N, C-alpha and C. Protein backbone atom coordinates (compact mmCIF):
# COMPACT_ATOMS: atom_id res chain seq x y z
N MET A 1 -2.39 38.29 17.13
CA MET A 1 -2.10 38.70 15.77
C MET A 1 -3.18 38.16 14.83
N LYS A 2 -3.59 38.97 13.90
CA LYS A 2 -4.60 38.59 12.93
C LYS A 2 -3.97 38.54 11.54
N ILE A 3 -4.67 37.90 10.63
CA ILE A 3 -4.13 37.74 9.28
C ILE A 3 -3.93 39.09 8.58
N ASN A 4 -4.79 40.05 8.92
CA ASN A 4 -4.65 41.36 8.27
C ASN A 4 -3.51 42.19 8.87
N ASP A 5 -2.92 41.73 9.98
CA ASP A 5 -1.77 42.43 10.56
C ASP A 5 -0.46 42.03 9.88
N ILE A 6 -0.49 40.91 9.17
CA ILE A 6 0.73 40.41 8.53
C ILE A 6 1.00 41.22 7.27
N GLY A 7 2.21 41.73 7.15
CA GLY A 7 2.60 42.50 5.97
C GLY A 7 3.65 41.77 5.16
N MET A 8 4.03 42.34 4.06
CA MET A 8 5.07 41.77 3.22
C MET A 8 6.42 41.98 3.91
N PRO A 9 7.36 41.06 3.76
CA PRO A 9 8.68 41.25 4.36
C PRO A 9 9.41 42.43 3.74
N LYS A 10 10.37 42.97 4.46
CA LYS A 10 11.09 44.15 4.00
C LYS A 10 11.86 43.81 2.72
N GLY A 11 11.72 44.64 1.72
CA GLY A 11 12.40 44.45 0.45
C GLY A 11 11.63 43.61 -0.55
N ALA A 12 10.43 43.15 -0.18
CA ALA A 12 9.64 42.31 -1.08
C ALA A 12 9.02 43.15 -2.20
N ASN A 13 8.55 44.34 -1.88
CA ASN A 13 7.94 45.22 -2.88
C ASN A 13 8.94 46.31 -3.26
N ARG A 14 9.45 46.22 -4.48
CA ARG A 14 10.37 47.24 -4.96
C ARG A 14 9.63 48.17 -5.89
N LYS A 15 10.14 49.38 -6.02
CA LYS A 15 9.54 50.34 -6.93
C LYS A 15 9.85 49.92 -8.36
N MET A 16 8.90 50.15 -9.26
CA MET A 16 9.10 49.83 -10.66
C MET A 16 10.13 50.76 -11.28
N LYS A 17 10.88 50.24 -12.24
CA LYS A 17 11.85 51.04 -12.96
C LYS A 17 11.07 51.92 -13.93
N LYS A 18 11.21 53.24 -13.82
CA LYS A 18 10.53 54.16 -14.74
C LYS A 18 11.35 54.23 -16.01
N LEU A 19 10.79 53.78 -17.11
CA LEU A 19 11.52 53.70 -18.36
C LEU A 19 11.11 54.81 -19.32
N GLY A 20 12.06 55.24 -20.15
CA GLY A 20 11.78 56.22 -21.20
C GLY A 20 11.39 57.59 -20.69
N ARG A 21 12.06 58.05 -19.63
CA ARG A 21 11.72 59.36 -19.07
C ARG A 21 12.87 60.35 -19.25
N GLY A 22 13.63 60.21 -20.32
CA GLY A 22 14.71 61.14 -20.62
C GLY A 22 16.05 60.65 -20.14
N SER A 23 17.11 61.23 -20.72
CA SER A 23 18.46 60.76 -20.42
C SER A 23 18.88 61.06 -18.99
N GLY A 24 18.30 62.02 -18.35
CA GLY A 24 18.64 62.36 -16.97
C GLY A 24 18.19 61.30 -15.97
N SER A 25 17.21 60.51 -16.34
CA SER A 25 16.69 59.50 -15.41
C SER A 25 17.61 58.28 -15.31
N GLY A 26 18.48 58.12 -16.30
CA GLY A 26 19.32 56.93 -16.34
C GLY A 26 18.66 55.76 -17.05
N HIS A 27 17.37 55.91 -17.35
CA HIS A 27 16.62 54.85 -18.04
C HIS A 27 15.96 55.41 -19.30
N GLY A 28 16.61 56.38 -19.92
CA GLY A 28 16.03 57.01 -21.11
C GLY A 28 16.48 56.35 -22.38
N LYS A 29 16.17 56.99 -23.50
CA LYS A 29 16.53 56.57 -24.84
C LYS A 29 16.20 55.11 -25.12
N THR A 30 17.11 54.17 -24.86
CA THR A 30 16.86 52.76 -25.19
C THR A 30 16.09 52.03 -24.09
N SER A 31 15.79 52.71 -22.99
CA SER A 31 15.00 52.16 -21.89
C SER A 31 15.57 50.85 -21.35
N CYS A 32 16.88 50.82 -21.13
CA CYS A 32 17.58 49.68 -20.52
C CYS A 32 17.58 48.42 -21.37
N ARG A 33 17.27 48.53 -22.67
CA ARG A 33 17.23 47.36 -23.54
C ARG A 33 18.46 47.25 -24.43
N GLY A 34 19.34 48.19 -24.40
CA GLY A 34 20.52 48.15 -25.26
C GLY A 34 20.19 48.55 -26.67
N ARG A 35 21.13 48.25 -27.60
CA ARG A 35 20.92 48.64 -28.99
C ARG A 35 20.63 47.43 -29.86
N LYS A 36 19.71 47.55 -30.75
CA LYS A 36 19.34 46.55 -31.76
C LYS A 36 19.13 45.14 -31.18
N GLY A 37 18.76 44.23 -32.02
CA GLY A 37 18.60 42.82 -31.63
C GLY A 37 17.20 42.47 -31.20
N ALA A 38 17.00 41.15 -31.07
CA ALA A 38 15.66 40.62 -30.79
C ALA A 38 15.13 41.07 -29.43
N LEU A 39 16.00 41.17 -28.43
CA LEU A 39 15.52 41.51 -27.09
C LEU A 39 15.13 42.98 -26.96
N LYS A 40 15.51 43.80 -27.93
CA LYS A 40 15.10 45.21 -27.91
C LYS A 40 13.68 45.35 -28.42
N ARG A 41 13.29 44.49 -29.35
CA ARG A 41 11.97 44.60 -29.99
C ARG A 41 10.86 44.24 -29.01
N SER A 42 9.71 44.88 -29.22
CA SER A 42 8.57 44.58 -28.34
C SER A 42 7.96 43.25 -28.72
N GLY A 43 7.58 42.47 -27.71
CA GLY A 43 6.92 41.20 -27.94
C GLY A 43 7.82 40.10 -28.46
N ARG A 44 9.11 40.36 -28.58
CA ARG A 44 10.02 39.37 -29.15
C ARG A 44 10.81 38.73 -28.03
N THR A 45 10.71 37.40 -27.88
CA THR A 45 11.48 36.68 -26.88
C THR A 45 12.21 35.53 -27.55
N THR A 46 13.19 34.97 -26.89
CA THR A 46 13.93 33.85 -27.44
C THR A 46 13.38 32.55 -26.89
N ARG A 47 13.62 31.50 -27.62
CA ARG A 47 13.12 30.18 -27.20
C ARG A 47 13.97 29.64 -26.05
N PRO A 48 13.46 28.70 -25.27
CA PRO A 48 14.27 28.12 -24.19
C PRO A 48 15.52 27.45 -24.75
N GLY A 49 16.65 27.68 -24.12
CA GLY A 49 17.91 27.09 -24.55
C GLY A 49 18.67 27.91 -25.57
N PHE A 50 18.10 29.03 -26.04
CA PHE A 50 18.77 29.88 -27.03
C PHE A 50 19.91 30.62 -26.35
N GLU A 51 21.10 30.58 -26.99
CA GLU A 51 22.29 31.19 -26.40
C GLU A 51 22.87 32.27 -27.30
N GLY A 52 22.00 33.03 -27.95
CA GLY A 52 22.47 34.15 -28.76
C GLY A 52 23.19 33.72 -30.01
N GLY A 53 22.85 32.58 -30.57
CA GLY A 53 23.48 32.12 -31.79
C GLY A 53 24.62 31.15 -31.54
N GLN A 54 25.15 31.13 -30.31
CA GLN A 54 26.18 30.16 -29.95
C GLN A 54 25.55 28.77 -29.99
N MET A 55 26.35 27.76 -30.26
CA MET A 55 25.84 26.39 -30.29
C MET A 55 25.27 26.04 -28.90
N PRO A 56 23.98 25.74 -28.81
CA PRO A 56 23.36 25.52 -27.50
C PRO A 56 23.95 24.31 -26.76
N LEU A 57 23.88 24.35 -25.46
CA LEU A 57 24.44 23.29 -24.61
C LEU A 57 23.87 21.93 -24.96
N ILE A 58 22.57 21.86 -25.22
CA ILE A 58 21.92 20.58 -25.51
C ILE A 58 22.48 19.95 -26.78
N ARG A 59 23.00 20.77 -27.70
CA ARG A 59 23.61 20.25 -28.92
C ARG A 59 25.12 20.05 -28.78
N ARG A 60 25.73 20.68 -27.77
CA ARG A 60 27.18 20.55 -27.57
C ARG A 60 27.56 19.27 -26.84
N ILE A 61 26.70 18.83 -25.91
CA ILE A 61 27.05 17.66 -25.11
C ILE A 61 26.80 16.38 -25.91
N PRO A 62 27.62 15.33 -25.71
CA PRO A 62 27.45 14.10 -26.48
C PRO A 62 26.18 13.35 -26.08
N LYS A 63 25.56 12.75 -27.04
CA LYS A 63 24.36 11.95 -26.79
C LYS A 63 24.80 10.51 -26.56
N ARG A 64 24.21 9.83 -25.60
CA ARG A 64 24.60 8.47 -25.27
C ARG A 64 23.38 7.54 -25.27
N GLY A 65 23.62 6.30 -25.62
CA GLY A 65 22.59 5.28 -25.48
C GLY A 65 21.61 5.23 -26.63
N PHE A 66 20.58 4.46 -26.41
CA PHE A 66 19.58 4.22 -27.44
C PHE A 66 18.22 4.10 -26.77
N ASN A 67 17.23 4.78 -27.28
CA ASN A 67 15.87 4.69 -26.76
C ASN A 67 14.96 4.06 -27.81
N ALA A 68 14.54 2.84 -27.56
CA ALA A 68 13.67 2.14 -28.50
C ALA A 68 12.29 2.77 -28.49
N LEU A 69 11.74 3.00 -29.69
CA LEU A 69 10.42 3.62 -29.80
C LEU A 69 9.31 2.65 -29.41
N PHE A 70 9.46 1.38 -29.81
CA PHE A 70 8.39 0.41 -29.57
C PHE A 70 8.88 -0.66 -28.59
N LYS A 71 9.28 -0.22 -27.42
CA LYS A 71 9.85 -1.10 -26.41
C LYS A 71 8.75 -1.92 -25.74
N ASN A 72 9.01 -3.22 -25.56
CA ASN A 72 8.09 -4.08 -24.80
C ASN A 72 8.56 -4.10 -23.36
N GLY A 73 7.99 -3.28 -22.54
CA GLY A 73 8.39 -3.21 -21.14
C GLY A 73 7.56 -4.15 -20.29
N TYR A 74 8.22 -5.09 -19.65
CA TYR A 74 7.52 -6.02 -18.77
C TYR A 74 7.63 -5.55 -17.33
N GLN A 75 6.57 -5.77 -16.58
CA GLN A 75 6.61 -5.55 -15.13
C GLN A 75 7.08 -6.86 -14.52
N VAL A 76 8.21 -6.81 -13.82
CA VAL A 76 8.80 -8.05 -13.32
C VAL A 76 8.39 -8.32 -11.88
N VAL A 77 8.13 -9.62 -11.61
CA VAL A 77 7.77 -10.08 -10.27
C VAL A 77 8.63 -11.30 -9.98
N ASN A 78 9.29 -11.33 -8.84
CA ASN A 78 10.13 -12.46 -8.45
C ASN A 78 9.29 -13.53 -7.73
N ILE A 79 9.76 -14.78 -7.80
CA ILE A 79 9.05 -15.90 -7.16
C ILE A 79 8.90 -15.68 -5.66
N GLU A 80 9.95 -15.17 -5.03
CA GLU A 80 9.93 -14.99 -3.57
C GLU A 80 8.80 -14.07 -3.11
N SER A 81 8.40 -13.12 -3.96
CA SER A 81 7.31 -12.22 -3.58
C SER A 81 5.93 -12.85 -3.77
N LEU A 82 5.87 -14.00 -4.45
CA LEU A 82 4.60 -14.71 -4.62
C LEU A 82 4.25 -15.54 -3.39
N ASN A 83 5.19 -15.70 -2.48
CA ASN A 83 4.95 -16.50 -1.27
C ASN A 83 3.96 -15.83 -0.31
N ARG A 84 3.65 -14.55 -0.53
CA ARG A 84 2.70 -13.86 0.35
C ARG A 84 1.24 -14.29 0.11
N PHE A 85 0.97 -14.92 -1.04
CA PHE A 85 -0.38 -15.36 -1.36
C PHE A 85 -0.66 -16.70 -0.67
N THR A 86 -1.95 -16.96 -0.41
CA THR A 86 -2.33 -18.21 0.27
C THR A 86 -2.15 -19.39 -0.68
N ALA A 87 -1.90 -20.55 -0.12
CA ALA A 87 -1.67 -21.75 -0.92
C ALA A 87 -2.91 -22.13 -1.72
N ASN A 88 -2.70 -22.72 -2.89
CA ASN A 88 -3.75 -23.17 -3.82
C ASN A 88 -4.63 -22.04 -4.35
N SER A 89 -4.16 -20.81 -4.31
CA SER A 89 -4.94 -19.68 -4.85
C SER A 89 -4.46 -19.34 -6.26
N THR A 90 -5.30 -18.61 -6.98
CA THR A 90 -4.96 -18.17 -8.32
C THR A 90 -4.39 -16.75 -8.24
N VAL A 91 -3.22 -16.55 -8.82
CA VAL A 91 -2.56 -15.24 -8.79
C VAL A 91 -2.50 -14.71 -10.22
N GLY A 92 -3.27 -13.66 -10.46
CA GLY A 92 -3.29 -13.01 -11.78
C GLY A 92 -2.92 -11.54 -11.65
N PRO A 93 -3.08 -10.77 -12.73
CA PRO A 93 -2.74 -9.34 -12.70
C PRO A 93 -3.48 -8.54 -11.62
N GLU A 94 -4.77 -8.84 -11.41
CA GLU A 94 -5.55 -8.10 -10.41
C GLU A 94 -5.01 -8.33 -8.99
N GLU A 95 -4.68 -9.59 -8.69
CA GLU A 95 -4.16 -9.93 -7.36
C GLU A 95 -2.77 -9.31 -7.13
N LEU A 96 -1.95 -9.31 -8.18
CA LEU A 96 -0.62 -8.71 -8.08
C LEU A 96 -0.71 -7.20 -7.87
N LYS A 97 -1.69 -6.58 -8.53
CA LYS A 97 -1.90 -5.13 -8.37
C LYS A 97 -2.35 -4.80 -6.95
N LYS A 98 -3.30 -5.60 -6.42
CA LYS A 98 -3.79 -5.40 -5.05
C LYS A 98 -2.67 -5.56 -4.02
N ALA A 99 -1.75 -6.50 -4.30
CA ALA A 99 -0.63 -6.73 -3.39
C ALA A 99 0.46 -5.68 -3.53
N GLY A 100 0.37 -4.83 -4.57
CA GLY A 100 1.35 -3.77 -4.77
C GLY A 100 2.62 -4.25 -5.45
N LEU A 101 2.57 -5.40 -6.12
CA LEU A 101 3.75 -5.94 -6.78
C LEU A 101 3.94 -5.39 -8.20
N ILE A 102 2.83 -4.94 -8.81
CA ILE A 102 2.92 -4.32 -10.13
C ILE A 102 2.20 -2.98 -10.11
N GLY A 103 2.47 -2.15 -11.10
CA GLY A 103 1.88 -0.82 -11.15
C GLY A 103 0.60 -0.75 -11.96
N SER A 104 0.51 -1.55 -13.04
CA SER A 104 -0.64 -1.47 -13.94
C SER A 104 -1.09 -2.86 -14.35
N VAL A 105 -2.39 -3.04 -14.46
CA VAL A 105 -2.97 -4.32 -14.89
C VAL A 105 -2.85 -4.46 -16.41
N LYS A 106 -2.76 -3.32 -17.11
CA LYS A 106 -2.76 -3.32 -18.58
C LYS A 106 -1.41 -3.71 -19.18
N GLU A 107 -0.31 -3.44 -18.48
CA GLU A 107 1.02 -3.75 -19.02
C GLU A 107 1.37 -5.22 -18.76
N PRO A 108 2.18 -5.84 -19.66
CA PRO A 108 2.51 -7.26 -19.51
C PRO A 108 3.37 -7.56 -18.28
N ILE A 109 3.24 -8.79 -17.79
CA ILE A 109 3.92 -9.21 -16.55
C ILE A 109 4.86 -10.37 -16.87
N LYS A 110 6.06 -10.33 -16.27
CA LYS A 110 7.02 -11.43 -16.41
C LYS A 110 7.42 -11.90 -15.03
N ILE A 111 7.37 -13.21 -14.83
CA ILE A 111 7.77 -13.81 -13.55
C ILE A 111 9.23 -14.24 -13.66
N LEU A 112 10.05 -13.78 -12.71
CA LEU A 112 11.47 -14.12 -12.68
C LEU A 112 11.76 -15.13 -11.59
N GLY A 113 12.88 -15.84 -11.71
CA GLY A 113 13.18 -16.96 -10.83
C GLY A 113 13.99 -16.66 -9.59
N THR A 114 14.00 -15.43 -9.09
CA THR A 114 14.76 -15.12 -7.87
C THR A 114 13.99 -15.59 -6.65
N GLY A 115 14.63 -16.35 -5.78
CA GLY A 115 14.00 -16.84 -4.56
C GLY A 115 13.50 -18.27 -4.71
N LYS A 116 12.79 -18.73 -3.67
CA LYS A 116 12.26 -20.09 -3.67
C LYS A 116 10.74 -20.07 -3.63
N ALA A 117 10.12 -20.98 -4.36
CA ALA A 117 8.66 -21.11 -4.35
C ALA A 117 8.28 -22.01 -3.18
N ALA A 118 7.56 -21.45 -2.21
CA ALA A 118 7.22 -22.20 -1.00
C ALA A 118 5.80 -22.77 -1.04
N LYS A 119 4.94 -22.22 -1.93
CA LYS A 119 3.53 -22.64 -1.96
C LYS A 119 3.12 -23.06 -3.36
N VAL A 120 2.07 -23.88 -3.41
CA VAL A 120 1.50 -24.30 -4.69
C VAL A 120 0.48 -23.25 -5.11
N LEU A 121 0.68 -22.65 -6.29
CA LEU A 121 -0.19 -21.58 -6.79
C LEU A 121 -0.52 -21.81 -8.25
N THR A 122 -1.59 -21.17 -8.70
CA THR A 122 -1.88 -21.09 -10.12
C THR A 122 -1.53 -19.66 -10.53
N ILE A 123 -0.51 -19.51 -11.35
CA ILE A 123 0.01 -18.18 -11.68
C ILE A 123 -0.31 -17.85 -13.13
N LYS A 124 -0.94 -16.66 -13.32
CA LYS A 124 -1.27 -16.17 -14.66
C LYS A 124 -0.35 -15.00 -14.97
N ALA A 125 0.44 -15.13 -16.04
CA ALA A 125 1.34 -14.06 -16.45
C ALA A 125 1.57 -14.14 -17.96
N HIS A 126 2.17 -13.10 -18.51
CA HIS A 126 2.43 -13.05 -19.94
C HIS A 126 3.70 -13.81 -20.32
N LYS A 127 4.67 -13.85 -19.38
CA LYS A 127 5.93 -14.50 -19.65
C LYS A 127 6.54 -15.04 -18.37
N PHE A 128 7.30 -16.14 -18.48
CA PHE A 128 8.01 -16.73 -17.35
C PHE A 128 9.46 -16.95 -17.78
N SER A 129 10.41 -16.65 -16.90
CA SER A 129 11.81 -16.95 -17.22
C SER A 129 12.01 -18.45 -17.06
N GLU A 130 13.08 -18.99 -17.68
CA GLU A 130 13.35 -20.43 -17.62
C GLU A 130 13.54 -20.90 -16.18
N SER A 131 14.28 -20.11 -15.39
CA SER A 131 14.53 -20.50 -13.99
C SER A 131 13.23 -20.45 -13.18
N ALA A 132 12.34 -19.51 -13.50
CA ALA A 132 11.06 -19.40 -12.80
C ALA A 132 10.18 -20.61 -13.13
N LYS A 133 10.17 -21.00 -14.41
CA LYS A 133 9.39 -22.17 -14.83
C LYS A 133 9.81 -23.42 -14.07
N LYS A 134 11.13 -23.66 -14.03
CA LYS A 134 11.66 -24.85 -13.37
C LYS A 134 11.31 -24.85 -11.88
N ALA A 135 11.52 -23.70 -11.23
CA ALA A 135 11.27 -23.62 -9.79
C ALA A 135 9.80 -23.78 -9.45
N LEU A 136 8.92 -23.16 -10.23
CA LEU A 136 7.48 -23.23 -9.95
C LEU A 136 6.92 -24.63 -10.24
N GLU A 137 7.37 -25.23 -11.34
CA GLU A 137 6.90 -26.57 -11.67
C GLU A 137 7.42 -27.60 -10.68
N ALA A 138 8.61 -27.39 -10.17
CA ALA A 138 9.17 -28.28 -9.14
C ALA A 138 8.39 -28.17 -7.83
N ALA A 139 7.85 -26.98 -7.55
CA ALA A 139 7.05 -26.77 -6.34
C ALA A 139 5.61 -27.25 -6.52
N GLY A 140 5.22 -27.58 -7.77
CA GLY A 140 3.86 -28.07 -8.04
C GLY A 140 2.89 -26.99 -8.47
N SER A 141 3.38 -25.82 -8.77
CA SER A 141 2.52 -24.72 -9.22
C SER A 141 2.12 -24.91 -10.68
N LYS A 142 1.00 -24.29 -11.03
CA LYS A 142 0.48 -24.37 -12.39
C LYS A 142 0.71 -23.02 -13.06
N LEU A 143 1.22 -23.00 -14.29
CA LEU A 143 1.51 -21.76 -15.01
C LEU A 143 0.51 -21.55 -16.14
N GLU A 144 -0.06 -20.37 -16.22
CA GLU A 144 -0.99 -20.04 -17.30
C GLU A 144 -0.49 -18.80 -18.01
N TYR A 145 -0.39 -18.88 -19.35
CA TYR A 145 0.09 -17.74 -20.13
C TYR A 145 -1.09 -16.86 -20.53
N LEU A 146 -0.91 -15.57 -20.38
CA LEU A 146 -1.90 -14.58 -20.81
C LEU A 146 -1.48 -13.99 -22.15
N ALA A 147 -2.46 -13.64 -22.99
CA ALA A 147 -2.16 -12.99 -24.26
C ALA A 147 -1.90 -11.51 -24.03
N LYS A 148 -0.99 -10.95 -24.82
CA LYS A 148 -0.65 -9.53 -24.66
C LYS A 148 -1.81 -8.65 -25.05
């Protein structure tokens, strides 16, 4: 079988509806568009979500929650995931990105206190939780704050 032997499946190509060919054709006079209104006019379409003047669904359903416009989103990293780095090494945004722990070097980083700190590290981040500070300082790690 060759590529030029392959045809369209049965029923894929339908004949076009012949419009405006007299009342005997079944598609005459209004040409299947009905009477009056925006959809009868040429070049006139409705916007997405328009329901013919009825209150649209997007406005009928209740809105929930709050979306802050100027949200400070931190990329969070737990202490237990810092154990993959070698002892006495410096862990900053570049190293965290290479390890796949954060998505972007440009966004701020916060270290959280879940897990145990097993190695002594120098950690550079924008923010540390209280539990993370205590655990890292108890393990002998050094904390460095980065400016936003």
